[in-house]
Protein backbone atom coordinates (compact mmCIF):
# COMPACT_ATOMS: atom_id res chain seq x y z
CA MET A 1 -0.01 0.05 0.01
CA LEU A 2 1.19 3.46 -0.83
CA THR A 3 0.13 6.99 -0.16
CA TRP A 4 -0.90 8.99 -3.21
CA ARG A 5 -0.41 12.67 -2.41
CA LEU A 6 -3.10 14.87 -4.32
CA SER A 7 -2.11 18.18 -2.49
CA ARG A 8 -0.73 19.37 0.42
CA VAL A 9 -3.84 18.50 2.69
CA LYS A 10 -5.29 15.39 0.62
CA GLU A 11 -3.54 12.15 0.55
CA VAL A 12 -5.30 8.79 -0.38
CA GLU A 13 -4.05 5.16 0.37
CA VAL A 14 -3.53 3.23 -2.85
CA TYR A 15 -2.85 -0.15 -4.10
CA VAL A 16 -0.52 -0.40 -7.00
CA VAL A 17 -0.89 -2.66 -9.94
CA LEU A 18 1.76 -2.64 -12.63
CA LEU A 19 0.77 -3.76 -15.94
CA GLU A 20 2.77 -4.35 -19.26
CA ASP A 21 2.02 -0.73 -20.49
CA ALA A 22 0.34 1.15 -17.40
CA ILE A 23 0.30 1.69 -13.59
CA VAL A 24 -3.43 1.35 -12.13
CA LEU A 25 -3.92 2.78 -8.68
CA LEU A 26 -6.77 1.26 -6.62
CA GLN A 27 -8.40 2.10 -3.53
CA GLN A 28 -9.78 -0.02 -0.89
CA GLN A 29 -13.50 0.22 -0.42
CA ASP A 30 -15.25 -2.12 2.21
CA GLU A 31 -13.62 -5.43 1.24
CA ARG A 32 -13.06 -4.55 -2.39
CA LEU A 33 -10.50 -2.76 -4.50
CA VAL A 34 -12.02 -0.13 -6.88
CA LEU A 35 -10.75 2.29 -9.57
CA ARG A 36 -11.63 5.87 -8.48
CA CYS A 37 -10.76 9.16 -10.04
CA GLN A 38 -9.60 11.73 -7.76
CA THR A 39 -9.92 15.57 -7.39
CA LYS A 40 -7.68 18.00 -5.48
CA GLU A 41 -10.69 19.23 -3.46
CA ASP A 42 -13.08 17.12 -1.36
CA ARG A 43 -15.92 18.38 -3.38
CA ASN A 44 -18.01 15.95 -5.48
CA ILE A 45 -16.76 17.33 -9.08
CA THR A 46 -17.76 15.32 -12.07
CA GLN A 47 -14.45 16.11 -13.84
CA CYS A 48 -11.64 13.97 -13.22
CA SER A 49 -8.36 15.84 -12.39
CA HIS A 50 -6.22 13.05 -11.30
CA SER A 51 -6.61 9.55 -13.32
CA PRO A 52 -6.00 6.36 -11.38
CA ILE A 53 -4.67 4.83 -14.74
CA ILE A 54 -1.02 5.99 -15.74
CA ARG A 55 0.35 4.93 -18.83
CA LEU A 56 4.02 4.15 -18.84
CA ALA A 57 4.75 5.70 -22.25
CA THR A 58 3.87 9.12 -20.95
CA MET A 59 5.14 8.87 -17.51
CA LEU A 60 8.23 10.94 -16.29
CA THR A 61 10.18 10.19 -13.00
CA ARG A 62 12.79 12.23 -11.21
CA SER A 63 14.60 11.62 -8.06
CA VAL A 64 14.21 14.00 -5.04
CA ALA A 65 15.99 14.24 -1.78
CA ASN A 66 12.85 12.65 0.16
CA GLY A 67 12.10 9.86 -2.29
CA TRP A 68 10.80 9.55 -5.87
CA LEU A 69 8.10 11.72 -7.41
CA LEU A 70 5.97 10.43 -10.30
CA TYR A 71 4.52 12.68 -13.06
CA ASP A 72 1.98 11.90 -15.59
CA GLY A 73 2.89 13.60 -18.89
CA LEU A 74 -0.76 14.04 -19.98
């Protein structure tokens, strides 16, 4: 389980599935793992600002002093 930091105040616990061409971030809900879009705010917004599916072809990474950061190129 990893922590996905969406903003300074919002963090989400996720499970990561590595596929051949993508990374999928799943959240636990009850006893199931679900695919859920995230927004920076806690409000219910119909538009997804952070996709839980990251294609490896568009992903950029860089190392920083406190760990690894992951950016989606799209």
